[in-house]
Every structure is written in structure tokens, then in C-alpha cells.
Amino acid sequence: PLDRLTFLTRGILPPLGASALWMVTLSPSPAGLEMRAAPVG
């Protein structure tokens, strides 16, 4: 299974503090399961 999940979050813990909305992508790669987060806007 190689599902990819993308969602918006306002995480509480660092580095995704509660101030900004983040776009998080969770996807498998040959190097392992990668989680990428980028601020929205």
C-alpha cells in the first residue's frame, strides 16, 4: 500500500505551532514514509 494523505492542520506542538494553518502531506517514498508540511498562504 502506497496511500498519500494531504490535510490542513493547526498543530499545537512545535514545529507546527497553533498560529498558522499548515498543509501536511504524508506519502511513502523509497527512503521511507515522508511527512512534509508547508504553511498555507
PDB file of all heavy atoms in Angstrom:
ATOM      1  N   PRO A   1       0.829  -1.208   0.000  1.00  0.00           N
ATOM      2  CA  PRO A   1       0.000   0.000   0.000  1.00  0.00           C
ATOM      3  C   PRO A   1       0.865   1.260   0.000  1.00  0.00           C
ATOM      4  O   PRO A   1       1.806   1.373   0.769  1.00  0.00           O
ATOM      5  CB  PRO A   1      -0.812  -0.121   1.291  1.00  0.00           C
ATOM      6  CG  PRO A   1      -0.033  -1.018   2.160  1.00  0.00           C
ATOM      7  CD  PRO A   1       0.723  -1.944   1.263  1.00  0.00           C
ATOM      8  N   LEU A   2       0.538   2.183  -0.887  1.00  0.00           N
ATOM      9  CA  LEU A   2       1.280   3.439  -1.017  1.00  0.00           C
ATOM     10  C   LEU A   2       0.329   4.632  -0.989  1.00  0.00           C
ATOM     11  O   LEU A   2       0.403   5.526  -1.831  1.00  0.00           O
ATOM     12  CB  LEU A   2       2.100   3.450  -2.313  1.00  0.00           C
ATOM     13  CG  LEU A   2       3.194   2.413  -2.447  1.00  0.00           C
ATOM     14  CD1 LEU A   2       3.861   2.499  -3.810  1.00  0.00           C
ATOM     15  CD2 LEU A   2       4.219   2.574  -1.348  1.00  0.00           C
ATOM     16  N   ASP A   3      -0.578   4.655  -0.024  1.00  0.00           N
ATOM     17  CA  ASP A   3      -1.542   5.743   0.065  1.00  0.00           C
ATOM     18  C   ASP A   3      -0.830   7.068   0.328  1.00  0.00           C
ATOM     19  O   ASP A   3       0.228   7.109   0.955  1.00  0.00           O
ATOM     20  CB  ASP A   3      -2.544   5.481   1.192  1.00  0.00           C
ATOM     21  CG  ASP A   3      -3.417   4.270   0.918  1.00  0.00           C
ATOM     22  OD1 ASP A   3      -3.301   3.683  -0.171  1.00  0.00           O
ATOM     23  OD2 ASP A   3      -4.208   3.911   1.796  1.00  0.00           O
ATOM     24  N   ARG A   4      -1.447   8.156  -0.153  1.00  0.00           N
ATOM     25  CA  ARG A   4      -0.941   9.504   0.110  1.00  0.00           C
ATOM     26  C   ARG A   4      -2.064  10.297   0.762  1.00  0.00           C
ATOM     27  O   ARG A   4      -3.200  10.286   0.293  1.00  0.00           O
ATOM     28  CB  ARG A   4      -0.494  10.181  -1.178  1.00  0.00           C
ATOM     29  CG  ARG A   4       0.102  11.561  -0.944  1.00  0.00           C
ATOM     30  CD  ARG A   4       0.681  12.168  -2.204  1.00  0.00           C
ATOM     31  NE  ARG A   4      -0.157  12.035  -3.367  1.00  0.00           N
ATOM     32  CZ  ARG A   4      -1.116  12.892  -3.711  1.00  0.00           C
ATOM     33  NH1 ARG A   4      -1.373  13.935  -2.982  1.00  0.00           N
ATOM     34  NH2 ARG A   4      -1.829  12.688  -4.805  1.00  0.00           N
ATOM     35  N   LEU A   5      -1.714  10.977   1.838  1.00  0.00           N
ATOM     36  CA  LEU A   5      -2.693  11.738   2.604  1.00  0.00           C
ATOM     37  C   LEU A   5      -2.247  13.195   2.656  1.00  0.00           C
ATOM     38  O   LEU A   5      -1.084  13.477   2.970  1.00  0.00           O
ATOM     39  CB  LEU A   5      -2.800  11.174   4.022  1.00  0.00           C
ATOM     40  CG  LEU A   5      -3.708  11.888   4.999  1.00  0.00           C
ATOM     41  CD1 LEU A   5      -5.154  11.809   4.542  1.00  0.00           C
ATOM     42  CD2 LEU A   5      -3.565  11.284   6.392  1.00  0.00           C
ATOM     43  N   THR A   6      -3.160  14.121   2.336  1.00  0.00           N
ATOM     44  CA  THR A   6      -2.895  15.550   2.427  1.00  0.00           C
ATOM     45  C   THR A   6      -4.030  16.168   3.230  1.00  0.00           C
ATOM     46  O   THR A   6      -5.206  15.892   2.964  1.00  0.00           O
ATOM     47  CB  THR A   6      -2.835  16.196   1.023  1.00  0.00           C
ATOM     48  OG1 THR A   6      -1.835  15.521   0.274  1.00  0.00           O
ATOM     49  CG2 THR A   6      -2.502  17.665   1.108  1.00  0.00           C
ATOM     50  N   PHE A   7      -3.675  17.004   4.203  1.00  0.00           N
ATOM     51  CA  PHE A   7      -4.705  17.631   5.033  1.00  0.00           C
ATOM     52  C   PHE A   7      -4.194  18.948   5.601  1.00  0.00           C
ATOM     53  O   PHE A   7      -2.988  19.204   5.635  1.00  0.00           O
ATOM     54  CB  PHE A   7      -5.157  16.694   6.163  1.00  0.00           C
ATOM     55  CG  PHE A   7      -4.071  16.310   7.119  1.00  0.00           C
ATOM     56  CD1 PHE A   7      -3.896  16.992   8.312  1.00  0.00           C
ATOM     57  CD2 PHE A   7      -3.213  15.255   6.832  1.00  0.00           C
ATOM     58  CE1 PHE A   7      -2.890  16.633   9.193  1.00  0.00           C
ATOM     59  CE2 PHE A   7      -2.223  14.886   7.709  1.00  0.00           C
ATOM     60  CZ  PHE A   7      -2.052  15.577   8.905  1.00  0.00           C
ATOM     61  N   LEU A   8      -5.129  19.781   6.038  1.00  0.00           N
ATOM     62  CA  LEU A   8      -4.810  21.042   6.688  1.00  0.00           C
ATOM     63  C   LEU A   8      -4.821  20.836   8.195  1.00  0.00           C
ATOM     64  O   LEU A   8      -5.618  20.058   8.719  1.00  0.00           O
ATOM     65  CB  LEU A   8      -5.836  22.115   6.314  1.00  0.00           C
ATOM     66  CG  LEU A   8      -5.892  22.513   4.845  1.00  0.00           C
ATOM     67  CD1 LEU A   8      -7.048  23.484   4.609  1.00  0.00           C
ATOM     68  CD2 LEU A   8      -4.577  23.127   4.412  1.00  0.00           C
ATOM     69  N   THR A   9      -3.950  21.550   8.881  1.00  0.00           N
ATOM     70  CA  THR A   9      -3.879  21.417  10.332  1.00  0.00           C
ATOM     71  C   THR A   9      -3.442  22.719  10.971  1.00  0.00           C
ATOM     72  O   THR A   9      -2.828  23.573  10.329  1.00  0.00           O
ATOM     73  CB  THR A   9      -2.915  20.287  10.738  1.00  0.00           C
ATOM     74  OG1 THR A   9      -2.981  20.095  12.153  1.00  0.00           O
ATOM     75  CG2 THR A   9      -1.489  20.605  10.352  1.00  0.00           C
ATOM     76  N   ARG A  10      -3.777  22.837  12.221  1.00  0.00           N
ATOM     77  CA  ARG A  10      -3.251  23.883  13.090  1.00  0.00           C
ATOM     78  C   ARG A  10      -2.648  23.159  14.298  1.00  0.00           C
ATOM     79  O   ARG A  10      -3.206  23.177  15.386  1.00  0.00           O
ATOM     80  CB  ARG A  10      -4.341  24.839  13.557  1.00  0.00           C
ATOM     81  CG  ARG A  10      -4.845  25.762  12.496  1.00  0.00           C
ATOM     82  CD  ARG A  10      -5.697  26.848  13.112  1.00  0.00           C
ATOM     83  NE  ARG A  10      -6.289  27.688  12.100  1.00  0.00           N
ATOM     84  CZ  ARG A  10      -5.690  28.742  11.558  1.00  0.00           C
ATOM     85  NH1 ARG A  10      -4.484  29.068  11.934  1.00  0.00           N
ATOM     86  NH2 ARG A  10      -6.303  29.460  10.652  1.00  0.00           N
ATOM     87  N   GLY A  11      -1.541  22.509  14.070  1.00  0.00           N
ATOM     88  CA  GLY A  11      -0.906  21.751  15.138  1.00  0.00           C
ATOM     89  C   GLY A  11      -0.610  22.609  16.348  1.00  0.00           C
ATOM     90  O   GLY A  11      -0.467  23.821  16.250  1.00  0.00           O
ATOM     91  N   ILE A  12      -0.515  21.983  17.496  1.00  0.00           N
ATOM     92  CA  ILE A  12      -0.258  22.694  18.742  1.00  0.00           C
ATOM     93  C   ILE A  12       1.228  22.649  19.101  1.00  0.00           C
ATOM     94  O   ILE A  12       1.811  23.612  19.550  1.00  0.00           O
ATOM     95  CB  ILE A  12      -1.099  22.096  19.893  1.00  0.00           C
ATOM     96  CG1 ILE A  12      -2.591  22.170  19.536  1.00  0.00           C
ATOM     97  CG2 ILE A  12      -0.810  22.773  21.195  1.00  0.00           C
ATOM     98  CD1 ILE A  12      -3.126  23.556  19.335  1.00  0.00           C
ATOM     99  N   LEU A  13       1.853  21.481  18.882  1.00  0.00           N
ATOM    100  CA  LEU A  13       3.258  21.309  19.253  1.00  0.00           C
ATOM    101  C   LEU A  13       4.186  21.885  18.190  1.00  0.00           C
ATOM    102  O   LEU A  13       3.833  21.932  17.021  1.00  0.00           O
ATOM    103  CB  LEU A  13       3.572  19.808  19.412  1.00  0.00           C
ATOM    104  CG  LEU A  13       2.806  19.055  20.487  1.00  0.00           C
ATOM    105  CD1 LEU A  13       3.131  17.580  20.414  1.00  0.00           C
ATOM    106  CD2 LEU A  13       3.119  19.610  21.859  1.00  0.00           C
ATOM    107  N   PRO A  14       5.375  22.339  18.587  1.00  0.00           N
ATOM    108  CA  PRO A  14       6.351  22.752  17.580  1.00  0.00           C
ATOM    109  C   PRO A  14       6.741  21.558  16.732  1.00  0.00           C
ATOM    110  O   PRO A  14       6.738  20.445  17.236  1.00  0.00           O
ATOM    111  CB  PRO A  14       7.548  23.228  18.412  1.00  0.00           C
ATOM    112  CG  PRO A  14       7.026  23.442  19.786  1.00  0.00           C
ATOM    113  CD  PRO A  14       5.837  22.547  19.939  1.00  0.00           C
ATOM    114  N   PRO A  15       7.041  21.696  15.500  1.00  0.00           N
ATOM    115  CA  PRO A  15       7.207  22.940  14.762  1.00  0.00           C
ATOM    116  C   PRO A  15       5.919  23.462  14.142  1.00  0.00           C
ATOM    117  O   PRO A  15       5.917  24.518  13.550  1.00  0.00           O
ATOM    118  CB  PRO A  15       8.198  22.541  13.669  1.00  0.00           C
ATOM    119  CG  PRO A  15       7.890  21.112  13.399  1.00  0.00           C
ATOM    120  CD  PRO A  15       7.479  20.539  14.722  1.00  0.00           C
ATOM    121  N   LEU A  16       4.820  22.753  14.267  1.00  0.00           N
ATOM    122  CA  LEU A  16       3.538  23.192  13.690  1.00  0.00           C
ATOM    123  C   LEU A  16       2.729  23.923  14.744  1.00  0.00           C
ATOM    124  O   LEU A  16       1.668  23.467  15.152  1.00  0.00           O
ATOM    125  CB  LEU A  16       2.745  21.995  13.148  1.00  0.00           C
ATOM    126  CG  LEU A  16       3.448  21.068  12.169  1.00  0.00           C
ATOM    127  CD1 LEU A  16       2.554  19.923  11.775  1.00  0.00           C
ATOM    128  CD2 LEU A  16       3.929  21.822  10.963  1.00  0.00           C
ATOM    129  N   GLY A  17       3.202  25.051  15.194  1.00  0.00           N
ATOM    130  CA  GLY A  17       2.530  25.798  16.244  1.00  0.00           C
ATOM    131  C   GLY A  17       1.123  26.203  15.858  1.00  0.00           C
ATOM    132  O   GLY A  17       0.716  26.100  14.710  1.00  0.00           O
ATOM    133  N   ALA A  18       0.344  26.702  16.809  1.00  0.00           N
ATOM    134  CA  ALA A  18      -1.073  26.998  16.608  1.00  0.00           C
ATOM    135  C   ALA A  18      -1.321  28.284  15.830  1.00  0.00           C
ATOM    136  O   ALA A  18      -2.456  28.604  15.547  1.00  0.00           O
ATOM    137  CB  ALA A  18      -1.766  27.085  17.961  1.00  0.00           C
ATOM    138  N   SER A  19      -0.298  29.015  15.465  1.00  0.00           N
ATOM    139  CA  SER A  19      -0.527  30.312  14.841  1.00  0.00           C
ATOM    140  C   SER A  19      -0.900  30.246  13.370  1.00  0.00           C
ATOM    141  O   SER A  19      -1.678  31.054  12.892  1.00  0.00           O
ATOM    142  CB  SER A  19       0.720  31.190  15.011  1.00  0.00           C
ATOM    143  OG  SER A  19       1.826  30.563  14.396  1.00  0.00           O
ATOM    144  N   ALA A  20      -0.345  29.316  12.633  1.00  0.00           N
ATOM    145  CA  ALA A  20      -0.578  29.287  11.183  1.00  0.00           C
ATOM    146  C   ALA A  20      -1.293  28.013  10.769  1.00  0.00           C
ATOM    147  O   ALA A  20      -1.254  27.003  11.450  1.00  0.00           O
ATOM    148  CB  ALA A  20       0.755  29.384  10.444  1.00  0.00           C
ATOM    149  N   LEU A  21      -1.941  28.091   9.615  1.00  0.00           N
ATOM    150  CA  LEU A  21      -2.562  26.920   9.006  1.00  0.00           C
ATOM    151  C   LEU A  21      -1.506  26.244   8.147  1.00  0.00           C
ATOM    152  O   LEU A  21      -0.793  26.899   7.382  1.00  0.00           O
ATOM    153  CB  LEU A  21      -3.755  27.350   8.154  1.00  0.00           C
ATOM    154  CG  LEU A  21      -4.652  26.259   7.598  1.00  0.00           C
ATOM    155  CD1 LEU A  21      -5.306  25.475   8.732  1.00  0.00           C
ATOM    156  CD2 LEU A  21      -5.726  26.870   6.709  1.00  0.00           C
ATOM    157  N   TRP A  22      -1.371  24.925   8.284  1.00  0.00           N
ATOM    158  CA  TRP A  22      -0.342  24.163   7.582  1.00  0.00           C
ATOM    159  C   TRP A  22      -0.979  23.140   6.657  1.00  0.00           C
ATOM    160  O   TRP A  22      -2.010  22.548   6.993  1.00  0.00           O
ATOM    161  CB  TRP A  22       0.531  23.411   8.578  1.00  0.00           C
ATOM    162  CG  TRP A  22       1.422  24.272   9.396  1.00  0.00           C
ATOM    163  CD1 TRP A  22       1.070  24.994  10.506  1.00  0.00           C
ATOM    164  CD2 TRP A  22       2.805  24.503   9.203  1.00  0.00           C
ATOM    165  NE1 TRP A  22       2.150  25.654  10.999  1.00  0.00           N
ATOM    166  CE2 TRP A  22       3.238  25.362  10.224  1.00  0.00           C
ATOM    167  CE3 TRP A  22       3.726  24.066   8.261  1.00  0.00           C
ATOM    168  CZ2 TRP A  22       4.551  25.797  10.322  1.00  0.00           C
ATOM    169  CZ3 TRP A  22       5.042  24.490   8.372  1.00  0.00           C
ATOM    170  CH2 TRP A  22       5.438  25.354   9.384  1.00  0.00           C
ATOM    171  N   MET A  23      -0.359  22.911   5.513  1.00  0.00           N
ATOM    172  CA  MET A  23      -0.731  21.839   4.598  1.00  0.00           C
ATOM    173  C   MET A  23       0.273  20.710   4.845  1.00  0.00           C
ATOM    174  O   MET A  23       1.474  20.881   4.649  1.00  0.00           O
ATOM    175  CB  MET A  23      -0.655  22.299   3.144  1.00  0.00           C
ATOM    176  CG  MET A  23      -0.850  21.195   2.128  1.00  0.00           C
ATOM    177  SD  MET A  23      -2.561  20.679   1.898  1.00  0.00           S
ATOM    178  CE  MET A  23      -3.287  22.149   1.238  1.00  0.00           C
ATOM    179  N   VAL A  24      -0.219  19.566   5.296  1.00  0.00           N
ATOM    180  CA  VAL A  24       0.634  18.421   5.614  1.00  0.00           C
ATOM    181  C   VAL A  24       0.379  17.325   4.587  1.00  0.00           C
ATOM    182  O   VAL A  24      -0.771  17.007   4.285  1.00  0.00           O
ATOM    183  CB  VAL A  24       0.350  17.894   7.037  1.00  0.00           C
ATOM    184  CG1 VAL A  24       1.158  16.644   7.328  1.00  0.00           C
ATOM    185  CG2 VAL A  24       0.635  18.962   8.072  1.00  0.00           C
ATOM    186  N   THR A  25       1.458  16.753   4.067  1.00  0.00           N
ATOM    187  CA  THR A  25       1.360  15.636   3.125  1.00  0.00           C
ATOM    188  C   THR A  25       2.148  14.471   3.688  1.00  0.00           C
ATOM    189  O   THR A  25       3.310  14.618   4.068  1.00  0.00           O
ATOM    190  CB  THR A  25       1.914  16.020   1.738  1.00  0.00           C
ATOM    191  OG1 THR A  25       1.170  17.128   1.255  1.00  0.00           O
ATOM    192  CG2 THR A  25       1.797  14.859   0.770  1.00  0.00           C
ATOM    193  N   LEU A  26       1.509  13.335   3.734  1.00  0.00           N
ATOM    194  CA  LEU A  26       2.111  12.099   4.217  1.00  0.00           C
ATOM    195  C   LEU A  26       2.141  11.139   3.035  1.00  0.00           C
ATOM    196  O   LEU A  26       1.088  10.774   2.509  1.00  0.00           O
ATOM    197  CB  LEU A  26       1.265  11.527   5.352  1.00  0.00           C
ATOM    198  CG  LEU A  26       1.792  10.319   6.082  1.00  0.00           C
ATOM    199  CD1 LEU A  26       3.036  10.673   6.861  1.00  0.00           C
ATOM    200  CD2 LEU A  26       0.742   9.770   7.013  1.00  0.00           C
ATOM    201  N   SER A  27       3.364  10.756   2.599  1.00  0.00           N
ATOM    202  CA  SER A  27       3.465   9.870   1.441  1.00  0.00           C
ATOM    203  C   SER A  27       4.695   8.980   1.556  1.00  0.00           C
ATOM    204  O   SER A  27       5.734   9.416   2.037  1.00  0.00           O
ATOM    205  CB  SER A  27       3.533  10.686   0.146  1.00  0.00           C
ATOM    206  OG  SER A  27       4.677  11.502   0.153  1.00  0.00           O
ATOM    207  N   PRO A  28       4.563   7.725   1.121  1.00  0.00           N
ATOM    208  CA  PRO A  28       5.717   6.827   1.140  1.00  0.00           C
ATOM    209  C   PRO A  28       6.674   7.147  -0.007  1.00  0.00           C
ATOM    210  O   PRO A  28       6.262   7.640  -1.051  1.00  0.00           O
ATOM    211  CB  PRO A  28       5.106   5.440   0.986  1.00  0.00           C
ATOM    212  CG  PRO A  28       3.775   5.672   0.372  1.00  0.00           C
ATOM    213  CD  PRO A  28       3.349   7.050   0.720  1.00  0.00           C
ATOM    214  N   SER A  29       7.944   6.876   0.225  1.00  0.00           N
ATOM    215  CA  SER A  29       8.974   7.051  -0.795  1.00  0.00           C
ATOM    216  C   SER A  29       9.967   5.902  -0.644  1.00  0.00           C
ATOM    217  O   SER A  29       9.906   5.158   0.334  1.00  0.00           O
ATOM    218  CB  SER A  29       9.672   8.398  -0.614  1.00  0.00           C
ATOM    219  OG  SER A  29      10.524   8.357   0.507  1.00  0.00           O
ATOM    220  N   PRO A  30      10.891   5.735  -1.568  1.00  0.00           N
ATOM    221  CA  PRO A  30      11.897   4.675  -1.410  1.00  0.00           C
ATOM    222  C   PRO A  30      12.741   4.832  -0.147  1.00  0.00           C
ATOM    223  O   PRO A  30      13.268   3.861   0.378  1.00  0.00           O
ATOM    224  CB  PRO A  30      12.758   4.816  -2.668  1.00  0.00           C
ATOM    225  CG  PRO A  30      11.875   5.470  -3.667  1.00  0.00           C
ATOM    226  CD  PRO A  30      10.971   6.380  -2.890  1.00  0.00           C
ATOM    227  N   ALA A  31      12.852   6.064   0.367  1.00  0.00           N
ATOM    228  CA  ALA A  31      13.655   6.300   1.572  1.00  0.00           C
ATOM    229  C   ALA A  31      12.851   6.118   2.854  1.00  0.00           C
ATOM    230  O   ALA A  31      13.415   6.149   3.939  1.00  0.00           O
ATOM    231  CB  ALA A  31      14.236   7.706   1.528  1.00  0.00           C
ATOM    232  N   GLY A  32      11.549   5.931   2.767  1.00  0.00           N
ATOM    233  CA  GLY A  32      10.708   5.775   3.957  1.00  0.00           C
ATOM    234  C   GLY A  32       9.452   6.625   3.841  1.00  0.00           C
ATOM    235  O   GLY A  32       9.189   7.247   2.810  1.00  0.00           O
ATOM    236  N   LEU A  33       8.686   6.668   4.903  1.00  0.00           N
ATOM    237  CA  LEU A  33       7.456   7.453   4.929  1.00  0.00           C
ATOM    238  C   LEU A  33       7.811   8.907   5.216  1.00  0.00           C
ATOM    239  O   LEU A  33       8.420   9.211   6.239  1.00  0.00           O
ATOM    240  CB  LEU A  33       6.506   6.916   5.998  1.00  0.00           C
ATOM    241  CG  LEU A  33       5.158   7.601   6.113  1.00  0.00           C
ATOM    242  CD1 LEU A  33       4.349   7.416   4.836  1.00  0.00           C
ATOM    243  CD2 LEU A  33       4.391   7.069   7.298  1.00  0.00           C
ATOM    244  N   GLU A  34       7.444   9.802   4.306  1.00  0.00           N
ATOM    245  CA  GLU A  34       7.793  11.207   4.443  1.00  0.00           C
ATOM    246  C   GLU A  34       6.588  12.033   4.849  1.00  0.00           C
ATOM    247  O   GLU A  34       5.495  11.845   4.329  1.00  0.00           O
ATOM    248  CB  GLU A  34       8.360  11.761   3.131  1.00  0.00           C
ATOM    249  CG  GLU A  34       9.696  11.176   2.771  1.00  0.00           C
ATOM    250  CD  GLU A  34      10.289  11.798   1.531  1.00  0.00           C
ATOM    251  OE1 GLU A  34       9.645  12.661   0.905  1.00  0.00           O
ATOM    252  OE2 GLU A  34      11.416  11.412   1.196  1.00  0.00           O
ATOM    253  N   MET A  35       6.822  12.944   5.779  1.00  0.00           N
ATOM    254  CA  MET A  35       5.816  13.909   6.177  1.00  0.00           C
ATOM    255  C   MET A  35       6.370  15.292   5.815  1.00  0.00           C
ATOM    256  O   MET A  35       7.436  15.674   6.286  1.00  0.00           O
ATOM    257  CB  MET A  35       5.536  13.844   7.668  1.00  0.00           C
ATOM    258  CG  MET A  35       4.421  14.781   8.093  1.00  0.00           C
ATOM    259  SD  MET A  35       4.195  14.852   9.868  1.00  0.00           S
ATOM    260  CE  MET A  35       5.251  16.222  10.254  1.00  0.00           C
ATOM    261  N   ARG A  36       5.653  15.993   4.954  1.00  0.00           N
ATOM    262  CA  ARG A  36       6.053  17.339   4.564  1.00  0.00           C
ATOM    263  C   ARG A  36       4.946  18.290   4.981  1.00  0.00           C
ATOM    264  O   ARG A  36       3.768  18.026   4.757  1.00  0.00           O
ATOM    265  CB  ARG A  36       6.287  17.417   3.058  1.00  0.00           C
ATOM    266  CG  ARG A  36       7.486  16.621   2.599  1.00  0.00           C
ATOM    267  CD  ARG A  36       7.705  16.721   1.089  1.00  0.00           C
ATOM    268  NE  ARG A  36       6.576  16.316   0.285  1.00  0.00           N
ATOM    269  CZ  ARG A  36       6.282  15.050  -0.034  1.00  0.00           C
ATOM    270  NH1 ARG A  36       7.026  14.077   0.415  1.00  0.00           N
ATOM    271  NH2 ARG A  36       5.239  14.767  -0.771  1.00  0.00           N
ATOM    272  N   ALA A  37       5.344  19.406   5.567  1.00  0.00           N
ATOM    273  CA  ALA A  37       4.378  20.414   5.984  1.00  0.00           C
ATOM    274  C   ALA A  37       4.851  21.771   5.492  1.00  0.00           C
ATOM    275  O   ALA A  37       6.035  22.099   5.574  1.00  0.00           O
ATOM    276  CB  ALA A  37       4.233  20.426   7.500  1.00  0.00           C
ATOM    277  N   ALA A  38       3.919  22.555   4.972  1.00  0.00           N
ATOM    278  CA  ALA A  38       4.217  23.900   4.491  1.00  0.00           C
ATOM    279  C   ALA A  38       3.111  24.836   4.953  1.00  0.00           C
ATOM    280  O   ALA A  38       1.936  24.458   4.964  1.00  0.00           O
ATOM    281  CB  ALA A  38       4.318  23.906   2.966  1.00  0.00           C
ATOM    282  N   PRO A  39       3.461  26.046   5.342  1.00  0.00           N
ATOM    283  CA  PRO A  39       2.431  26.998   5.767  1.00  0.00           C
ATOM    284  C   PRO A  39       1.541  27.385   4.588  1.00  0.00           C
ATOM    285  O   PRO A  39       2.002  27.501   3.463  1.00  0.00           O
ATOM    286  CB  PRO A  39       3.233  28.194   6.278  1.00  0.00           C
ATOM    287  CG  PRO A  39       4.600  28.026   5.743  1.00  0.00           C
ATOM    288  CD  PRO A  39       4.802  26.580   5.432  1.00  0.00           C
ATOM    289  N   VAL A  40       0.274  27.556   4.861  1.00  0.00           N
ATOM    290  CA  VAL A  40      -0.702  27.940   3.830  1.00  0.00           C
ATOM    291  C   VAL A  40      -0.757  29.460   3.780  1.00  0.00           C
ATOM    292  O   VAL A  40      -0.744  30.129   4.807  1.00  0.00           O
ATOM    293  CB  VAL A  40      -2.092  27.364   4.158  1.00  0.00           C
ATOM    294  CG1 VAL A  40      -3.139  27.863   3.178  1.00  0.00           C
ATOM    295  CG2 VAL A  40      -2.042  25.855   4.158  1.00  0.00           C
ATOM    296  N   GLY A  41      -0.814  29.999   2.573  1.00  0.00           N
ATOM    297  CA  GLY A  41      -0.985  31.446   2.429  1.00  0.00           C
ATOM    298  C   GLY A  41       0.303  32.239   2.522  1.00  0.00           C
ATOM    299  O   GLY A  41       0.277  33.409   2.876  1.00  0.00           O
TER     300      GLY A  41
END
